[in-house]
């Protein structure tokens, strides 16, 4: 192993045993990572990215086997090392920033205690300065008021704060290499940018090597010195970001680039005139009483919007901006504290739940997380026909015909109707959720972060499906998203929210091409891969 390299992988092959057969997860992979270098490994689910990370950490599951090759980490071949040696490498030589801070942090322990545990593991025993080191780490990762944060529990922090805590835990052992496994996939675009900026700054200051594992080519091209593109366990391209962006050799890499919303431009039709809006919110505000206090929290302030048939209106903003509150008011699940909501010219903000129910046939929701949106006990058939049964619209053979028609509409095979959600991929589940939303033939679909939980190529397929459905059925969409790349590829009109207030509103071409708000400009500049992106153009 070269002394300048922290990591060398030579001819690595890893397989898994399932039901008596072996499946190849990584095949003859070779690469190196130098001290202080940032390398990104890019690929979809099933490409072997996470298998590689687990192999480097010595955390492969029992049914996995390293069939051949070497994994040199700081002069030690992890593939041949015993458990004690691997444990000594973890934390001290290799730090991990995992994907999901909700899962990775213990909800029952205070933040300071969890960082202290990482420090004690790295140093061998509890030592007098551990409490001050905890506060120093919290400050290093950019968290304000370290003494307060150390006393808090994970649920009391935002997603970005929790991710910074995971970075602090990864830094506790002063590692030479940090593996960041999809470190920002669940975060808003501006929070994502701040986290990655800070991680890179820490890496540069300490001379640490960084291995970023991601499905997002935009992030990889923005952040890495070199990129490895993997497909089904094989290395298919190894080049600099510039070479990947402007001269990708492999068709699969070009497909990933074409699928990334940041690199795609779509021409949208001009504004609609002379129609009655399907959905209109006029000067809508929403206040929530704070528990145990006489004060109120204003979640929305003076929001107005018009949505027309066949049009996509995007509501953009970070967590806490009021996007979800606006969606709940449009759905009739929350009553506005002020203002009016009209649907197809009818005032609906004062309706009771029973009065609003007939309108729900015309207004349907596609939720963010396809894994949580479907009842795990229901077959796909049961999930799709549930709205039809609820409204008593079809029975018997007519219900079965409608289910087959709906599943075909979202390009899934008819035999999927007998499957359970756990037998489907994330993209397939989201197609089922869309089919269920289409069952009542709505005029408006409310899309709440519909692709944020999906790989980039699956994202592209779902977005293409939504465009096809809109073109064929004439539906209007309200798209709620923190991902401006997705918004740029879909929206006719864009509304930017910040802390409950509208900071920018207008045609997508105008908002992206000539933003008037500094906040909107910051959101656009934070789009991963923005350097190569082509934003909407006028027709």
Protein backbone atom coordinates (compact mmCIF):
# COMPACT_ATOMS: atom_id res chain seq x y z
CA UNK A 1 0.00 0.00 0.00
CA UNK A 2 1.34 3.46 -0.96
CA UNK A 3 2.20 5.61 2.08
CA UNK A 4 0.31 8.59 0.60
CA UNK A 5 -2.90 6.55 0.35
CA UNK A 6 -5.25 6.11 3.30
CA UNK A 7 -7.30 3.56 1.40
CA UNK A 8 -6.52 1.02 -1.32
CA UNK A 9 -9.07 -1.44 -2.68
CA UNK A 10 -7.65 -4.15 -4.92
CA UNK A 11 -9.75 -6.53 -7.00
CA UNK A 12 -12.50 -6.70 -4.35
CA UNK A 13 -15.47 -9.05 -4.81
CA UNK A 14 -18.28 -9.42 -2.24
CA UNK A 15 -21.31 -11.71 -2.44
CA UNK A 16 -24.42 -12.43 -0.35
CA UNK A 17 -26.08 -15.77 0.35
CA UNK A 18 -29.87 -15.87 -0.18
CA UNK A 19 -31.90 -19.08 -0.03
CA UNK A 20 -28.93 -21.29 -0.88
CA UNK A 21 -27.64 -19.17 -3.79
CA UNK A 22 -24.95 -16.46 -3.85
CA UNK A 23 -25.56 -13.03 -5.37
CA UNK A 24 -22.63 -10.85 -6.41
CA UNK A 25 -22.83 -7.37 -4.81
CA UNK A 26 -19.34 -6.05 -5.66
CA UNK A 27 -17.25 -7.43 -8.49
CA UNK A 28 -13.47 -6.95 -8.95
CA UNK A 29 -13.43 -3.36 -7.70
CA UNK A 30 -10.12 -1.46 -7.49
CA UNK A 31 -9.41 2.15 -6.49
CA UNK A 32 -7.35 4.22 -4.04
CA UNK A 33 -7.88 7.32 -1.92
CA UNK A 34 -5.03 9.66 -1.03
CA UNK A 35 -4.57 11.61 2.21
CA UNK A 36 -6.68 14.80 2.12
CA UNK A 37 -8.55 13.76 -1.06
CA UNK A 38 -12.34 13.64 -1.55
CA UNK A 39 -13.70 10.74 -3.58
CA UNK A 40 -17.37 10.21 -4.46
CA UNK A 41 -18.89 6.82 -5.24
CA UNK A 42 -22.08 7.26 -7.26
CA UNK A 43 -24.77 4.76 -8.15
CA UNK A 44 -28.37 3.73 -7.66
CA UNK A 45 -29.76 1.33 -5.07
CA UNK A 46 -28.20 -2.09 -5.64
CA UNK A 47 -25.01 -0.71 -7.17
CA UNK A 48 -22.83 -1.96 -4.30
CA UNK A 49 -22.09 1.42 -2.64
CA UNK A 50 -23.28 0.50 0.85
CA UNK A 51 -21.74 -2.98 0.64
CA UNK A 52 -18.38 -1.33 0.00
CA UNK A 53 -18.82 1.04 2.97
CA UNK A 54 -19.75 -1.86 5.29
CA UNK A 55 -16.76 -3.88 4.05
CA UNK A 56 -14.40 -0.97 4.80
CA UNK A 57 -15.83 -0.72 8.32
CA UNK A 58 -15.77 -4.49 8.88
CA UNK A 59 -19.55 -4.45 9.30
CA UNK A 60 -20.70 -6.82 6.58
CA UNK A 61 -23.70 -8.94 7.66
CA UNK A 62 -23.34 -12.66 8.39
CA UNK A 63 -24.66 -13.72 4.97
CA UNK A 64 -22.00 -11.62 3.17
CA UNK A 65 -18.58 -12.93 2.14
CA UNK A 66 -15.45 -11.30 0.72
CA UNK A 67 -14.72 -13.72 -2.13
CA UNK A 68 -11.43 -12.16 -3.20
CA UNK A 69 -9.34 -9.01 -3.07
CA UNK A 70 -7.78 -6.73 -0.48
CA UNK A 71 -9.07 -3.74 1.48
CA UNK A 72 -6.11 -1.76 2.78
CA UNK A 73 -7.07 0.90 5.35
CA UNK A 74 -4.14 2.79 6.86
CA UNK A 75 -1.82 -0.16 6.19
CA UNK A 76 -4.18 -2.89 7.47
CA UNK A 77 -5.98 -5.35 5.19
CA UNK A 78 -9.53 -5.23 6.61
CA UNK A 79 -10.52 -8.23 4.48
CA UNK A 80 -8.14 -10.45 6.51
CA UNK A 81 -8.25 -8.64 9.87
CA UNK A 82 -9.86 -10.14 12.97
CA UNK A 83 -12.77 -8.47 14.80
CA UNK A 84 -10.50 -6.84 17.41
CA UNK A 85 -8.36 -5.15 14.75
CA UNK A 86 -11.44 -4.00 12.84
CA UNK A 87 -12.91 -2.53 16.03
CA UNK A 88 -9.70 -0.57 16.64
CA UNK A 89 -9.92 0.89 13.11
CA UNK A 90 -13.54 2.03 13.57
CA UNK A 91 -13.74 5.54 14.97
CA UNK A 92 -9.98 6.00 15.35
CA UNK A 93 -8.93 5.49 11.74
CA UNK A 94 -12.28 5.43 9.91
CA UNK A 95 -15.24 7.59 10.97
CA UNK A 96 -18.75 7.13 9.60
CA UNK A 97 -21.41 9.78 8.98
CA UNK A 98 -24.52 7.63 8.36
CA UNK A 99 -27.50 8.53 6.20
CA UNK A 100 -30.37 8.90 8.64
CA UNK A 101 -29.77 10.77 11.91
CA UNK A 102 -33.21 9.78 13.22
CA UNK A 103 -32.22 6.10 13.08
CA UNK A 104 -28.54 6.59 13.97
CA UNK A 105 -28.96 8.56 17.20
CA UNK A 106 -30.31 7.00 20.41
CA UNK A 107 -33.60 8.80 21.18
CA UNK A 108 -33.29 8.07 24.92
CA UNK A 109 -29.84 9.64 25.45
CA UNK A 110 -28.85 13.29 25.52
CA UNK A 111 -26.64 14.52 22.68
CA UNK A 112 -23.65 15.18 24.98
CA UNK A 113 -23.79 11.62 26.35
CA UNK A 114 -23.74 10.12 22.85
CA UNK A 115 -20.71 12.18 21.77
CA UNK A 116 -18.98 11.37 25.10
CA UNK A 117 -19.47 7.64 24.41
CA UNK A 118 -17.69 8.05 21.05
CA UNK A 119 -14.83 9.94 22.73
CA UNK A 120 -14.43 7.30 25.46
CA UNK A 121 -14.46 4.48 22.88
CA UNK A 122 -11.73 6.26 20.91
CA UNK A 123 -9.54 7.09 23.94
CA UNK A 124 -10.03 3.83 25.81
CA UNK A 125 -11.54 5.07 29.10
CA UNK A 126 -13.34 8.04 30.64
CA UNK A 127 -10.98 10.96 31.18
CA UNK A 128 -11.31 14.33 32.99
CA UNK A 129 -11.61 16.51 29.86
CA UNK A 130 -14.41 14.51 28.21
CA UNK A 131 -17.13 17.10 28.95
CA UNK A 132 -15.09 20.00 27.57
CA UNK A 133 -14.17 17.89 24.50
CA UNK A 134 -17.90 17.27 23.87
CA UNK A 135 -18.55 21.02 23.84
CA UNK A 136 -15.50 21.61 21.62
CA UNK A 137 -16.76 19.06 19.07
CA UNK A 138 -20.24 20.60 19.04
CA UNK A 139 -18.67 24.00 18.36
CA UNK A 140 -16.40 22.57 15.64
CA UNK A 141 -19.37 21.20 13.69
CA UNK A 142 -21.06 24.58 13.77
CA UNK A 143 -23.78 24.12 16.40
CA UNK A 144 -24.68 27.22 18.38
CA UNK A 145 -24.90 27.14 22.19
CA UNK A 146 -22.97 23.86 22.69
CA UNK A 147 -23.88 23.56 26.43
CA UNK A 148 -27.60 23.69 25.54
CA UNK A 149 -27.24 21.24 22.62
CA UNK A 150 -25.33 18.78 24.82
CA UNK A 151 -28.31 18.65 27.24
CA UNK A 152 -30.91 18.16 24.50
CA UNK A 153 -32.34 14.93 23.09
CA UNK A 154 -32.29 14.14 19.33
CA UNK A 155 -36.00 14.93 18.85
CA UNK A 156 -35.36 18.49 20.09
CA UNK A 157 -32.99 19.23 17.18
CA UNK A 158 -33.69 19.90 13.51
CA UNK A 159 -32.55 17.46 10.80
CA UNK A 160 -29.52 19.60 9.97
CA UNK A 161 -28.52 19.83 13.63
CA UNK A 162 -28.81 16.06 14.08
CA UNK A 163 -26.61 15.55 11.01
CA UNK A 164 -23.98 17.85 12.56
CA UNK A 165 -24.10 15.72 15.73
CA UNK A 166 -23.33 12.64 13.62
CA UNK A 167 -20.36 14.49 12.11
CA UNK A 168 -19.17 15.34 15.66
CA UNK A 169 -19.40 11.64 16.62
CA UNK A 170 -17.45 10.71 13.46
CA UNK A 171 -14.73 13.25 14.36
CA UNK A 172 -14.47 12.11 18.00
CA UNK A 173 -11.74 9.55 17.29
CA UNK A 174 -9.75 11.98 15.08
CA UNK A 175 -9.96 9.60 12.09
CA UNK A 176 -7.81 9.78 8.96
CA UNK A 177 -10.77 8.81 6.76
CA UNK A 178 -14.46 9.76 6.97
CA UNK A 179 -17.10 7.78 5.07
CA UNK A 180 -20.20 9.93 4.47
CA UNK A 181 -23.05 7.61 3.42
CA UNK A 182 -25.77 9.74 1.73
CA UNK A 183 -25.09 12.35 4.44
CA UNK A 184 -27.65 14.94 3.31
CA UNK A 185 -30.33 13.02 1.37
CA UNK A 186 -33.09 13.93 3.86
CA UNK A 187 -32.17 17.62 4.21
CA UNK A 188 -33.34 20.85 2.59
CA UNK A 189 -31.12 22.12 -0.20
CA UNK A 190 -29.68 25.08 1.74
CA UNK A 191 -29.13 22.99 4.91
CA UNK A 192 -27.56 20.33 2.66
CA UNK A 193 -25.17 22.89 1.28
CA UNK A 194 -24.19 24.19 4.73
CA UNK A 195 -23.57 20.65 6.04
CA UNK A 196 -21.41 19.69 3.04
CA UNK A 197 -19.53 23.02 3.14
CA UNK A 198 -18.77 22.48 6.82
CA UNK A 199 -17.75 18.84 6.34
CA UNK A 200 -15.37 19.82 3.54
CA UNK A 201 -13.94 22.65 5.63
CA UNK A 202 -13.23 20.27 8.53
CA UNK A 203 -11.67 17.76 6.13
CA UNK A 204 -9.41 20.46 4.64
CA UNK A 205 -8.36 21.81 8.07
CA UNK A 206 -7.49 18.36 9.45
CA UNK A 207 -6.13 16.80 6.25
CA UNK A 208 -8.74 14.03 6.48
CA UNK A 209 -9.71 11.95 3.46
CA UNK A 210 -13.41 11.94 2.60
CA UNK A 211 -15.35 9.17 0.86
CA UNK A 212 -18.84 10.38 -0.15
CA UNK A 213 -21.38 7.70 -1.06
CA UNK A 214 -24.34 9.16 -2.95
CA UNK A 215 -26.90 8.59 -5.69
CA UNK A 216 -26.85 12.33 -6.53
CA UNK A 217 -24.44 13.16 -9.36
CA UNK A 218 -24.93 16.86 -8.65
CA UNK A 219 -23.50 16.54 -5.12
CA UNK A 220 -20.70 14.28 -6.36
CA UNK A 221 -19.63 16.68 -9.11
CA UNK A 222 -19.76 19.69 -6.77
CA UNK A 223 -17.82 18.11 -3.92
CA UNK A 224 -15.38 15.44 -5.11
CA UNK A 225 -11.87 15.48 -6.60
CA UNK A 226 -12.67 12.18 -8.35
CA UNK A 227 -15.80 10.14 -9.07
CA UNK A 228 -16.37 6.41 -9.26
CA UNK A 229 -19.63 5.42 -10.99
CA UNK A 230 -20.92 1.96 -10.03
CA UNK A 231 -23.64 -0.17 -11.56
CA UNK A 232 -24.73 -3.56 -10.16
CA UNK A 233 -21.48 -3.99 -8.26
CA UNK A 234 -19.11 -3.06 -11.09
CA UNK A 235 -17.00 0.05 -11.60
CA UNK A 236 -18.03 1.48 -14.97
CA UNK A 237 -16.45 4.95 -14.91
CA UNK A 238 -13.61 6.60 -12.96
CA UNK A 239 -12.87 10.23 -13.78
CA UNK A 240 -12.79 13.84 -12.57
CA UNK A 241 -16.08 15.76 -12.18
CA UNK A 242 -15.26 17.81 -15.27
CA UNK A 243 -14.68 14.67 -17.35
CA UNK A 244 -17.95 13.15 -16.07
CA UNK A 245 -20.01 16.30 -16.66
CA UNK A 246 -18.73 17.12 -20.11
CA UNK A 247 -17.44 13.83 -21.51
CA UNK A 248 -19.01 10.85 -19.76
CA UNK A 249 -17.94 7.70 -21.62
CA UNK A 250 -20.42 5.10 -20.42
CA UNK A 251 -24.10 5.20 -21.49
CA UNK A 252 -25.18 4.51 -17.89
CA UNK A 253 -23.32 7.60 -16.63
CA UNK A 254 -24.94 9.67 -19.37
CA UNK A 255 -28.34 8.26 -18.31
CA UNK A 256 -27.65 9.30 -14.69
CA UNK A 257 -26.75 12.80 -15.86
CA UNK A 258 -29.87 13.02 -17.98
CA UNK A 259 -31.99 11.75 -15.09
CA UNK A 260 -30.67 14.29 -12.56
CA UNK A 261 -33.22 17.13 -12.37
CA UNK A 262 -30.41 19.68 -11.84
CA UNK A 263 -29.12 18.91 -15.34
CA UNK A 264 -32.48 18.88 -17.14
CA UNK A 265 -34.46 21.72 -18.68
CA UNK A 266 -38.06 21.39 -19.79
CA UNK A 267 -39.97 23.95 -21.77
CA UNK A 268 -43.19 24.83 -19.98
CA UNK A 269 -46.27 26.42 -21.54
CA UNK A 270 -47.07 30.07 -20.96
CA UNK A 271 -49.45 31.40 -18.28
CA UNK A 272 -53.13 30.47 -18.36
CA UNK A 273 -55.62 33.32 -18.84
CA UNK A 274 -59.38 33.62 -19.03
CA UNK A 275 -60.13 30.64 -16.77
CA UNK A 276 -61.62 30.34 -13.30
CA UNK A 277 -58.91 28.93 -11.01
CA UNK A 278 -59.51 25.38 -9.79
CA UNK A 279 -57.96 26.27 -6.43
CA UNK A 280 -57.61 29.76 -4.98
CA UNK A 281 -56.12 30.76 -1.62
CA UNK A 282 -56.71 34.44 -0.78
CA UNK A 283 -54.74 36.15 2.01
CA UNK A 284 -54.60 32.90 3.98
CA UNK A 285 -52.92 32.89 7.38
CA UNK A 286 -52.58 30.23 10.06
CA UNK A 287 -51.71 30.68 13.73
CA UNK A 288 -51.18 27.91 16.27
CA UNK A 289 -51.50 28.41 20.03
CA UNK A 290 -48.32 27.47 21.88
CA UNK A 291 -49.00 24.87 24.61
CA UNK A 292 -49.03 26.29 28.14
CA UNK A 293 -48.64 29.86 26.89
CA UNK A 294 -50.89 32.73 25.86
CA UNK A 295 -48.74 33.32 22.75
CA UNK A 296 -49.29 32.15 19.16
CA UNK A 297 -46.96 30.83 16.47
CA UNK A 298 -47.67 32.14 12.95
CA UNK A 299 -47.09 29.29 10.49
CA UNK A 300 -48.51 31.12 7.46
CA UNK A 301 -48.98 34.81 6.78
CA UNK A 302 -51.04 36.35 3.95
CA UNK A 303 -50.61 33.58 1.35
CA UNK A 304 -52.42 33.99 -1.98
CA UNK A 305 -52.25 31.65 -4.97
CA UNK A 306 -54.26 30.61 -8.05
CA UNK A 307 -54.03 27.14 -9.59
CA UNK A 308 -55.46 26.47 -13.08
CA UNK A 309 -56.39 23.22 -14.85
CA UNK A 310 -53.41 21.46 -16.45
CA UNK A 311 -50.91 23.62 -14.60
CA UNK A 312 -48.21 22.85 -12.00
CA UNK A 313 -47.74 25.30 -9.15
CA UNK A 314 -44.73 24.63 -6.93
CA UNK A 315 -44.46 25.75 -3.31
CA UNK A 316 -40.80 25.90 -2.33
CA UNK A 317 -39.11 26.43 1.00
CA UNK A 318 -37.04 24.93 3.78
CA UNK A 319 -38.36 22.95 6.75
CA UNK A 320 -40.59 25.20 8.84
CA UNK A 321 -41.44 27.52 5.94
CA UNK A 322 -45.17 26.70 6.02
CA UNK A 323 -45.34 24.42 2.93
CA UNK A 324 -47.10 21.55 4.69
CA UNK A 325 -49.50 23.91 6.49
CA UNK A 326 -50.52 25.42 3.12
CA UNK A 327 -51.11 21.90 1.77
CA UNK A 328 -53.24 20.90 4.78
CA UNK A 329 -55.36 24.05 4.40
CA UNK A 330 -55.87 23.33 0.67
CA UNK A 331 -56.93 19.76 1.58
CA UNK A 332 -59.41 21.00 4.17
CA UNK A 333 -57.49 19.29 6.99
CA UNK A 334 -56.76 22.65 8.66
CA UNK A 335 -58.95 25.74 8.79
CA UNK A 336 -57.20 29.05 8.06
CA UNK A 337 -57.04 31.62 10.87
CA UNK A 338 -57.67 34.28 8.24
CA UNK A 339 -58.41 34.48 4.52
CA UNK A 340 -60.44 32.31 2.16
CA UNK A 341 -60.06 29.06 0.22
CA UNK A 342 -62.07 28.50 -2.97
CA UNK A 343 -62.33 25.31 -5.00
CA UNK A 344 -63.79 25.58 -8.53
CA UNK A 345 -65.33 28.94 -7.57
CA UNK A 346 -66.91 27.64 -4.33
CA UNK A 347 -65.90 29.01 -0.92
CA UNK A 348 -64.75 25.95 1.11
CA UNK A 349 -62.80 27.32 4.08
CA UNK A 350 -65.92 27.34 6.30
CA UNK A 351 -67.17 23.86 5.40
CA UNK A 352 -67.47 21.08 7.97
CA UNK A 353 -65.65 17.77 7.39
CA UNK A 354 -68.91 16.19 6.16
CA UNK A 355 -69.62 19.11 3.77
CA UNK A 356 -66.05 19.00 2.42
CA UNK A 357 -66.03 15.22 1.85
CA UNK A 358 -67.63 15.23 -1.67
CA UNK A 359 -64.91 17.65 -2.80
CA UNK A 360 -62.20 15.18 -1.72
CA UNK A 361 -63.00 13.15 -4.82
CA UNK A 362 -61.66 16.09 -6.85
CA UNK A 363 -58.66 16.80 -4.62
CA UNK A 364 -56.16 14.00 -3.85
CA UNK A 365 -52.79 13.72 -2.11
CA UNK A 366 -49.57 11.85 -2.98
CA UNK A 367 -47.44 11.68 0.16
CA UNK A 368 -43.69 12.02 0.54
CA UNK A 369 -42.67 8.61 1.79
CA UNK A 370 -43.87 5.64 -0.30
CA UNK A 371 -42.73 3.29 2.47
CA UNK A 372 -45.10 4.87 5.01
CA UNK A 373 -47.98 5.82 2.67
CA UNK A 374 -49.24 2.25 2.08
CA UNK A 375 -50.77 -0.03 4.72
CA UNK A 376 -48.30 -2.95 5.02
CA UNK A 377 -51.22 -5.39 5.55
CA UNK A 378 -53.03 -4.37 2.35
CA UNK A 379 -52.27 -5.88 -1.04
CA UNK A 380 -51.67 -3.43 -3.89
CA UNK A 381 -55.24 -4.17 -5.06
CA UNK A 382 -56.68 -3.26 -1.64
CA UNK A 383 -54.64 -0.02 -1.50
CA UNK A 384 -55.65 1.12 -4.99
CA UNK A 385 -59.39 0.44 -4.62
CA UNK A 386 -59.67 1.77 -1.04
CA UNK A 387 -60.93 5.25 -2.16
CA UNK A 388 -63.45 3.63 -4.54
CA UNK A 389 -64.78 1.38 -1.78
CA UNK A 390 -64.89 4.31 0.65
CA UNK A 391 -67.12 6.29 -1.73
CA UNK A 392 -69.11 3.20 -2.75
CA UNK A 393 -68.41 3.68 -6.47
CA UNK A 394 -67.61 0.15 -7.74
CA UNK A 395 -68.21 -3.44 -6.69
CA UNK A 396 -67.23 -6.94 -7.80
CA UNK A 397 -65.88 -7.30 -11.34
CA UNK A 398 -66.21 -3.57 -12.05
CA UNK A 399 -63.89 -2.89 -9.10
CA UNK A 400 -61.35 -5.43 -10.41
CA UNK A 401 -61.49 -3.91 -13.93
CA UNK A 402 -60.89 -0.43 -12.46
CA UNK A 403 -57.90 -1.70 -10.42
CA UNK A 404 -56.35 -3.26 -13.55
CA UNK A 405 -56.92 -0.03 -15.48
CA UNK A 406 -55.31 2.08 -12.73
CA UNK A 407 -52.22 -0.11 -12.32
CA UNK A 408 -51.69 -0.10 -16.09
CA UNK A 409 -51.99 3.70 -16.05
CA UNK A 410 -48.92 3.92 -13.78
CA UNK A 411 -47.01 1.33 -15.89
CA UNK A 412 -46.98 -1.57 -13.43
CA UNK A 413 -47.84 -5.17 -14.42
CA UNK A 414 -51.31 -6.44 -13.48
CA UNK A 415 -49.88 -9.31 -11.37
CA UNK A 416 -48.52 -6.69 -8.93
CA UNK A 417 -52.11 -6.30 -7.65
CA UNK A 418 -51.59 -9.42 -5.52
CA UNK A 419 -48.35 -8.18 -3.93
CA UNK A 420 -47.78 -6.59 -0.53
CA UNK A 421 -45.90 -3.27 -0.18
CA UNK A 422 -42.80 -5.00 1.26
CA UNK A 423 -42.43 -6.87 -2.06
CA UNK A 424 -42.08 -3.59 -4.01
CA UNK A 425 -39.24 -1.12 -4.50
CA UNK A 426 -39.59 2.52 -3.46
CA UNK A 427 -40.38 3.64 -7.01
CA UNK A 428 -42.98 0.90 -7.44
CA UNK A 429 -44.65 1.85 -4.15
CA UNK A 430 -44.84 5.48 -5.24
CA UNK A 431 -46.51 4.37 -8.50
CA UNK A 432 -49.09 2.46 -6.42
CA UNK A 433 -49.67 5.58 -4.29
CA UNK A 434 -50.20 7.62 -7.48
CA UNK A 435 -52.62 4.98 -8.85
CA UNK A 436 -54.61 5.21 -5.59
CA UNK A 437 -54.71 9.01 -5.88
CA UNK A 438 -56.00 8.69 -9.48
CA UNK A 439 -58.81 6.26 -8.55
CA UNK A 440 -61.40 9.00 -7.95
CA UNK A 441 -60.40 10.89 -11.15
CA UNK A 442 -59.41 14.10 -9.31
CA UNK A 443 -59.00 17.54 -10.85
CA UNK A 444 -56.09 18.44 -8.56
CA UNK A 445 -53.21 16.31 -7.21
CA UNK A 446 -51.32 17.65 -4.22
CA UNK A 447 -47.77 16.26 -4.40
CA UNK A 448 -45.91 16.42 -1.08
CA UNK A 449 -42.19 15.88 -1.84
CA UNK A 450 -43.18 13.00 -4.18
CA UNK A 451 -39.64 11.91 -5.14
CA UNK A 452 -37.41 12.99 -2.24
CA UNK A 453 -37.07 9.41 -0.91
CA UNK A 454 -36.09 7.92 -4.29
CA UNK A 455 -32.88 7.36 -6.29
CA UNK A 456 -32.20 9.92 -9.00
CA UNK A 457 -33.06 7.66 -11.97
CA UNK A 458 -36.25 6.46 -10.21
CA UNK A 459 -37.02 10.14 -9.51
CA UNK A 460 -36.77 10.82 -13.23
CA UNK A 461 -39.17 7.95 -14.02
CA UNK A 462 -41.77 9.18 -11.49
CA UNK A 463 -41.49 12.78 -12.73
CA UNK A 464 -41.92 11.58 -16.31
CA UNK A 465 -45.00 9.58 -15.23
CA UNK A 466 -46.49 12.65 -13.51
CA UNK A 467 -45.93 14.74 -16.64
CA UNK A 468 -47.55 12.05 -18.81
CA UNK A 469 -50.59 11.85 -16.49
CA UNK A 470 -50.97 15.61 -16.48
CA UNK A 471 -50.76 15.72 -20.27
CA UNK A 472 -53.27 12.88 -20.73
CA UNK A 473 -55.75 13.69 -17.94
CA UNK A 474 -55.47 17.49 -17.72
CA UNK A 475 -54.98 17.49 -13.94
CA UNK A 476 -53.50 20.41 -12.04
CA UNK A 477 -50.65 19.80 -9.58
CA UNK A 478 -49.59 21.58 -6.42
CA UNK A 479 -46.00 20.42 -5.94
CA UNK A 480 -44.49 20.95 -2.49
CA UNK A 481 -40.71 20.53 -2.55
CA UNK A 482 -37.43 21.71 -1.07
CA UNK A 483 -35.63 20.46 -4.22
CA UNK A 484 -35.40 23.33 -6.68
CA UNK A 485 -33.97 21.07 -9.38
CA UNK A 486 -37.22 19.05 -9.36
CA UNK A 487 -39.26 22.27 -9.30
CA UNK A 488 -37.32 23.71 -12.24
CA UNK A 489 -38.10 20.61 -14.30
CA UNK A 490 -41.87 20.55 -13.53
CA UNK A 491 -43.36 23.87 -12.49
CA UNK A 492 -45.24 26.52 -14.46
CA UNK A 493 -45.63 28.82 -11.45
CA UNK A 494 -43.37 29.00 -8.39
CA UNK A 495 -44.13 30.34 -4.93
CA UNK A 496 -41.21 30.65 -2.49
CA UNK A 497 -42.01 30.57 1.24
CA UNK A 498 -39.76 31.52 4.13
CA UNK A 499 -40.93 31.35 7.75
CA UNK A 500 -44.55 31.46 6.64
CA UNK A 501 -44.20 34.48 4.34
CA UNK A 502 -44.13 34.64 0.54
CA UNK A 503 -40.77 36.04 -0.58
CA UNK A 504 -41.14 35.38 -4.32
CA UNK A 505 -43.99 34.40 -6.65
CA UNK A 506 -44.39 34.17 -10.42
CA UNK A 507 -43.77 32.11 -13.57
CA UNK A 508 -40.97 29.52 -13.20
CA UNK A 509 -38.97 31.14 -16.01
CA UNK A 510 -39.01 34.47 -14.18
CA UNK A 511 -38.33 33.11 -10.68
CA UNK A 512 -35.37 30.98 -11.84
CA UNK A 513 -34.08 33.34 -14.50
CA UNK A 514 -34.44 36.68 -12.69
CA UNK A 515 -35.05 36.08 -8.97
CA UNK A 516 -35.71 39.28 -7.04
CA UNK A 517 -35.19 37.85 -3.53
CA UNK A 518 -31.75 37.16 -2.07
CA UNK A 519 -33.27 34.09 -0.38
CA UNK A 520 -34.44 32.67 -3.74
CA UNK A 521 -30.99 33.31 -5.23
CA UNK A 522 -29.42 31.42 -2.30
CA UNK A 523 -31.80 28.48 -2.86
CA UNK A 524 -30.93 28.36 -6.58
CA UNK A 525 -27.19 28.57 -5.95
CA UNK A 526 -27.47 25.68 -3.46
CA UNK A 527 -28.84 23.27 -6.09
CA UNK A 528 -26.29 20.40 -6.34
CA UNK A 529 -24.70 20.45 -9.78
CA UNK A 530 -25.85 24.03 -10.35
CA UNK A 531 -22.65 24.73 -12.28
CA UNK A 532 -23.89 22.59 -15.18
CA UNK A 533 -27.63 23.03 -14.69
CA UNK A 534 -29.86 24.46 -17.37
CA UNK A 535 -32.84 26.17 -15.78
CA UNK A 536 -36.22 26.71 -17.47
CA UNK A 537 -36.22 28.74 -20.66
CA UNK A 538 -38.97 30.84 -22.15
CA UNK A 539 -40.76 29.63 -25.26
